[in-house]
Amino acid sequence: MYKVEKNIPIPMKRANSKNNFAAILRSMEIGDSILFDRTKIRPSSFYVCARRLGFKVTVREVDEKQSRVWRTK
Protein backbone atom coordinates (compact mmCIF):
# COMPACT_ATOMS: atom_id res chain seq x y z
CA MET A 1 0.00 0.00 0.00
CA TYR A 2 1.25 3.50 -0.79
CA LYS A 3 1.01 6.50 1.48
CA VAL A 4 0.29 9.91 -0.06
CA GLU A 5 2.53 12.58 1.45
CA LYS A 6 2.02 16.32 1.27
CA ASN A 7 4.41 19.30 1.47
CA ILE A 8 7.55 17.33 0.60
CA PRO A 9 9.99 19.76 -1.14
CA ILE A 10 11.43 18.74 -4.50
CA PRO A 11 15.23 18.42 -4.29
CA MET A 12 17.41 20.63 -6.48
CA LYS A 13 18.35 19.09 -9.80
CA ARG A 14 21.89 17.77 -9.97
CA ALA A 15 24.35 19.56 -12.21
CA ASN A 16 24.63 17.82 -15.54
CA SER A 17 28.24 17.06 -16.52
CA LYS A 18 27.41 17.89 -20.16
CA ASN A 19 26.43 21.40 -19.08
CA ASN A 20 29.68 21.68 -17.15
CA PHE A 21 31.68 20.54 -20.19
CA ALA A 22 29.81 23.02 -22.40
CA ALA A 23 30.56 25.90 -20.03
CA ILE A 24 34.24 24.95 -19.95
CA LEU A 25 34.43 24.64 -23.74
CA ARG A 26 32.70 27.98 -24.31
CA SER A 27 35.19 29.69 -22.00
CA MET A 28 38.17 28.21 -23.86
CA GLU A 29 39.91 29.93 -26.75
CA ILE A 30 41.68 28.07 -29.54
CA GLY A 31 44.93 26.69 -28.12
CA ASP A 32 43.67 26.56 -24.53
CA SER A 33 43.75 23.22 -22.72
CA ILE A 34 42.37 21.61 -19.61
CA LEU A 35 43.84 18.78 -17.55
CA PHE A 36 41.37 16.31 -16.05
CA ASP A 37 41.29 13.07 -14.09
CA ARG A 38 40.32 10.12 -16.32
CA THR A 39 39.22 8.11 -13.31
CA LYS A 40 36.34 10.60 -12.85
CA ILE A 41 35.65 11.82 -16.40
CA ARG A 42 35.82 9.79 -19.60
CA PRO A 43 37.71 11.62 -22.37
CA SER A 44 35.06 10.55 -24.88
CA SER A 45 32.39 12.44 -22.91
CA PHE A 46 34.30 15.69 -23.27
CA TYR A 47 35.02 14.98 -26.94
CA VAL A 48 31.37 14.25 -27.81
CA CYS A 49 30.18 17.41 -26.04
CA ALA A 50 32.72 19.48 -27.99
CA ARG A 51 31.59 18.02 -31.32
CA ARG A 52 27.94 18.71 -30.55
CA LEU A 53 28.79 22.34 -29.85
CA GLY A 54 30.74 22.60 -33.10
CA PHE A 55 34.17 22.75 -31.45
CA LYS A 56 37.14 20.63 -32.41
CA VAL A 57 39.34 19.25 -29.66
CA THR A 58 42.35 16.99 -29.32
CA VAL A 59 42.66 14.65 -26.34
CA ARG A 60 45.99 13.20 -25.18
CA GLU A 61 46.85 11.00 -22.22
CA VAL A 62 49.32 12.68 -19.86
CA ASP A 63 49.82 9.69 -17.59
CA GLU A 64 47.82 6.66 -16.41
CA LYS A 65 45.25 8.82 -14.59
CA GLN A 66 45.16 12.13 -16.43
CA SER A 67 44.33 13.45 -19.89
CA ARG A 68 44.57 16.88 -21.43
CA VAL A 69 42.06 18.37 -23.89
CA TRP A 70 43.06 21.18 -26.25
CA ARG A 71 40.53 23.26 -28.15
CA THR A 72 41.84 23.31 -31.71
CA LYS A 73 39.03 25.01 -33.63
C-alpha atoms as a PDB file:
ATOM      1  CA  MET A   1       0.000   0.000   0.000  1.00  0.00           C
ATOM      2  CA  TYR A   2       1.255   3.505  -0.794  1.00  0.00           C
ATOM      3  CA  LYS A   3       1.011   6.503   1.481  1.00  0.00           C
ATOM      4  CA  VAL A   4       0.295   9.907  -0.058  1.00  0.00           C
ATOM      5  CA  GLU A   5       2.529  12.582   1.448  1.00  0.00           C
ATOM      6  CA  LYS A   6       2.020  16.317   1.272  1.00  0.00           C
ATOM      7  CA  ASN A   7       4.412  19.298   1.474  1.00  0.00           C
ATOM      8  CA  ILE A   8       7.552  17.331   0.602  1.00  0.00           C
ATOM      9  CA  PRO A   9       9.994  19.755  -1.136  1.00  0.00           C
ATOM     10  CA  ILE A  10      11.430  18.745  -4.503  1.00  0.00           C
ATOM     11  CA  PRO A  11      15.231  18.419  -4.290  1.00  0.00           C
ATOM     12  CA  MET A  12      17.414  20.633  -6.482  1.00  0.00           C
ATOM     13  CA  LYS A  13      18.351  19.093  -9.803  1.00  0.00           C
ATOM     14  CA  ARG A  14      21.893  17.774  -9.971  1.00  0.00           C
ATOM     15  CA  ALA A  15      24.352  19.556 -12.212  1.00  0.00           C
ATOM     16  CA  ASN A  16      24.632  17.823 -15.541  1.00  0.00           C
ATOM     17  CA  SER A  17      28.238  17.065 -16.519  1.00  0.00           C
ATOM     18  CA  LYS A  18      27.413  17.891 -20.160  1.00  0.00           C
ATOM     19  CA  ASN A  19      26.425  21.395 -19.081  1.00  0.00           C
ATOM     20  CA  ASN A  20      29.680  21.683 -17.150  1.00  0.00           C
ATOM     21  CA  PHE A  21      31.676  20.542 -20.189  1.00  0.00           C
ATOM     22  CA  ALA A  22      29.809  23.017 -22.395  1.00  0.00           C
ATOM     23  CA  ALA A  23      30.560  25.896 -20.026  1.00  0.00           C
ATOM     24  CA  ILE A  24      34.242  24.947 -19.953  1.00  0.00           C
ATOM     25  CA  LEU A  25      34.431  24.643 -23.742  1.00  0.00           C
ATOM     26  CA  ARG A  26      32.698  27.978 -24.309  1.00  0.00           C
ATOM     27  CA  SER A  27      35.188  29.693 -22.001  1.00  0.00           C
ATOM     28  CA  MET A  28      38.173  28.214 -23.857  1.00  0.00           C
ATOM     29  CA  GLU A  29      39.908  29.928 -26.747  1.00  0.00           C
ATOM     30  CA  ILE A  30      41.681  28.074 -29.542  1.00  0.00           C
ATOM     31  CA  GLY A  31      44.935  26.695 -28.120  1.00  0.00           C
ATOM     32  CA  ASP A  32      43.667  26.556 -24.529  1.00  0.00           C
ATOM     33  CA  SER A  33      43.746  23.225 -22.716  1.00  0.00           C
ATOM     34  CA  ILE A  34      42.366  21.608 -19.607  1.00  0.00           C
ATOM     35  CA  LEU A  35      43.836  18.775 -17.548  1.00  0.00           C
ATOM     36  CA  PHE A  36      41.370  16.309 -16.047  1.00  0.00           C
ATOM     37  CA  ASP A  37      41.291  13.072 -14.091  1.00  0.00           C
ATOM     38  CA  ARG A  38      40.323  10.125 -16.324  1.00  0.00           C
ATOM     39  CA  THR A  39      39.220   8.111 -13.309  1.00  0.00           C
ATOM     40  CA  LYS A  40      36.342  10.600 -12.851  1.00  0.00           C
ATOM     41  CA  ILE A  41      35.647  11.818 -16.403  1.00  0.00           C
ATOM     42  CA  ARG A  42      35.823   9.794 -19.597  1.00  0.00           C
ATOM     43  CA  PRO A  43      37.710  11.618 -22.372  1.00  0.00           C
ATOM     44  CA  SER A  44      35.057  10.547 -24.876  1.00  0.00           C
ATOM     45  CA  SER A  45      32.386  12.443 -22.908  1.00  0.00           C
ATOM     46  CA  PHE A  46      34.299  15.688 -23.273  1.00  0.00           C
ATOM     47  CA  TYR A  47      35.022  14.982 -26.944  1.00  0.00           C
ATOM     48  CA  VAL A  48      31.369  14.249 -27.808  1.00  0.00           C
ATOM     49  CA  CYS A  49      30.184  17.407 -26.044  1.00  0.00           C
ATOM     50  CA  ALA A  50      32.722  19.476 -27.990  1.00  0.00           C
ATOM     51  CA  ARG A  51      31.592  18.016 -31.316  1.00  0.00           C
ATOM     52  CA  ARG A  52      27.936  18.705 -30.552  1.00  0.00           C
ATOM     53  CA  LEU A  53      28.792  22.336 -29.849  1.00  0.00           C
ATOM     54  CA  GLY A  54      30.743  22.604 -33.102  1.00  0.00           C
ATOM     55  CA  PHE A  55      34.169  22.751 -31.451  1.00  0.00           C
ATOM     56  CA  LYS A  56      37.144  20.634 -32.406  1.00  0.00           C
ATOM     57  CA  VAL A  57      39.336  19.250 -29.665  1.00  0.00           C
ATOM     58  CA  THR A  58      42.345  16.991 -29.318  1.00  0.00           C
ATOM     59  CA  VAL A  59      42.664  14.654 -26.345  1.00  0.00           C
ATOM     60  CA  ARG A  60      45.985  13.205 -25.181  1.00  0.00           C
ATOM     61  CA  GLU A  61      46.851  11.002 -22.221  1.00  0.00           C
ATOM     62  CA  VAL A  62      49.318  12.684 -19.860  1.00  0.00           C
ATOM     63  CA  ASP A  63      49.818   9.686 -17.592  1.00  0.00           C
ATOM     64  CA  GLU A  64      47.820   6.664 -16.413  1.00  0.00           C
ATOM     65  CA  LYS A  65      45.252   8.823 -14.589  1.00  0.00           C
ATOM     66  CA  GLN A  66      45.158  12.133 -16.433  1.00  0.00           C
ATOM     67  CA  SER A  67      44.325  13.445 -19.885  1.00  0.00           C
ATOM     68  CA  ARG A  68      44.568  16.876 -21.427  1.00  0.00           C
ATOM     69  CA  VAL A  69      42.063  18.368 -23.893  1.00  0.00           C
ATOM     70  CA  TRP A  70      43.056  21.182 -26.251  1.00  0.00           C
ATOM     71  CA  ARG A  71      40.531  23.263 -28.148  1.00  0.00           C
ATOM     72  CA  THR A  72      41.844  23.306 -31.715  1.00  0.00           C
ATOM     73  CA  LYS A  73      39.026  25.007 -33.629  1.00  0.00           C
END
